Amino acid sequence: MIEQVLVEDFNKNLTLISNFVAQNSNFIKKEILINGKINAYVLFIDGLADKNYIEEAIIKPFLYKVDIDITKEEDLYEASKKYLFISSFRLNNNAKDIGTEILSGKTAVIVDGIKSAMIIDTINPKYRDIQESTSEKSILGSRESFTENIDLNITLIQRKIKSPNLKIERFVVGEKTRTECALVYLEDVIDKELLNTIKSRVLTLKAPSMLTTGVFEQFIERRPFNLFPQAKNTERPDKVVFDLLEGKAAIFVAESPSALIVPASFIEFFQGFEDYSERLIIANFSRITRFIAVITVLILGPIYLTLLLYNAELFPYQLMMVIIDSRKGIPLPPFLEILAMELCIEILREGGVRLPNPVGTTLAIVGGIVIGDAATKANIVSHATLFVVAITVVSTFLIPNYQMALSIRFLRFPMLVLAQMFGFYGILVGFYILLVALVKLDSFGIPYFSPMAPSRFKDFGDVFVRDNIRKIFNEPVSLKPSLSRRNKDE
């Protein structure tokens, strides 16, 4: 095992630290003499650290201004007060931690005879500027979105919540990547039992590497094969702030331009953030339309298939004549007809996602028109089937959360299979299985189907429709497991 604690010999300390930093050409080991006689090394990664700032604020003062002998840790504090142009620093004597700090863009200064290294924040500020999110459009809210800079992302939250109770706990995840992460929450709002549950999973996480919040989510969830997301991903700071004020926690991962919000409930994935900025009636109309769209995605295709196969007598006579005319000469059975069109739409949509925005959008629109027109003219699918599939596809666009939209889109395929096999009974069985799965699921100890199951009537003011804004800006009872347990005991 590699020795990790620094000693008094600065050359040996250099070797210890170098064991944890890749020996590439951009690993700078600048040797200097302090006060003309004390040996020291300034260690940093060129490109990750701001080289100009290091030269002006650290190296030059050590070479030309420091006129005291630095032989102990107290002397480093004295030098930082009088000579160095730095806002703060800290001491560390663990070689592995020092190596991780250097790889994060910070600078380490080791001095001969001192068993600790100065760690100075010199991270290169060259990151992508704050821009508007391309995946989460804002109509009435803030246009800001997160970047790959974790410090800037946390700053965006602090700008909106100026409270001494806003707590930020930093930790490192990934044995190979040593990725910096942060847990953010409001100490006076979040339930203590919920916070302990989150910390028990997050702060003790062991992983070989950590790249994005999506990877982080999969490491902390308890049911990896469950179809529904158990945490929310967002690029918008205002959404994170809203959830923090409700009593949730946010997780940030360095180099990832999004935040992970925990816990999450099923119903909130269909609630748009703009619902709280619009007028009450308009907001509720939009929300109801959204829920209708979700039901449409799940059952329109299966009901159409069931009526064609098992219950054609339920069609109105005029409508039945139109469908019969449209199906003349169609070689495929209804199930394969619908399935083929659904798969074509998914291929087009996946292709549009992988291409640049303008090209991808054009491909999805033009490709859909061309394929649909060609399929009907070639008598591969009927006009009625194409209409049903088109309505289903457009309805998926109304789901505000991309992850949940993917889950709902996938569910329509097993629902089609059940409708093909058992008709209306199959659709009912599918909904029953779906409901049981949602009721049994939880997110960090919070029931996933709350506040419907278990019922939390105090939270019903913001479920399928929202109440007056003055009444719903409270901490949801559903996010208070300790309170719920206390009420049961009483």
Foldseek 3Di string as FASTA:
>chain_A
DQDWFFDQAVVVLVVSLPVQADPDPQFDWDWADALNHWIKTKTAGPPFFDVVLCVVFPVVQRHPPHNDDDQEPVVVVVCCVPTGPAPDWDKDGTSNVVNLLRVNHWMWMDIRNYRIIITGDGGDPDWDDFAADPQFDDDPDDRTFFTLAPVVLVVLLCVVDVDPQWDKDWDFEAPPARWIKIKTARNVAAAPLLVVLVCVQQVPQHDNGDDEVVVVQCRRDDDNPDLARQKAKDGDSVVVNLLRLLHWMWMGIRRYNIIIIPGAADQVLQQRPCLLVDDQVVSLVLLLLLVVLLVLLAPLLLQVLLCVPPNVVPDDPVVSVVVVVQLPPAPDRSLVQLVVLLVQLVVLQVVLVPDPPVVSVCSNVVVLVVVVVVCSVVNNHGPVSSVSSVSSVVSLVSRSGPSVSVSSNVNNVQLNVLCVVPNPVSNVVSVVVVVVSQQPDHRSPQRNNPPVVVPDPLQVCPGSGHDPSVSNSHRGPSSHVVVVVVVVVD
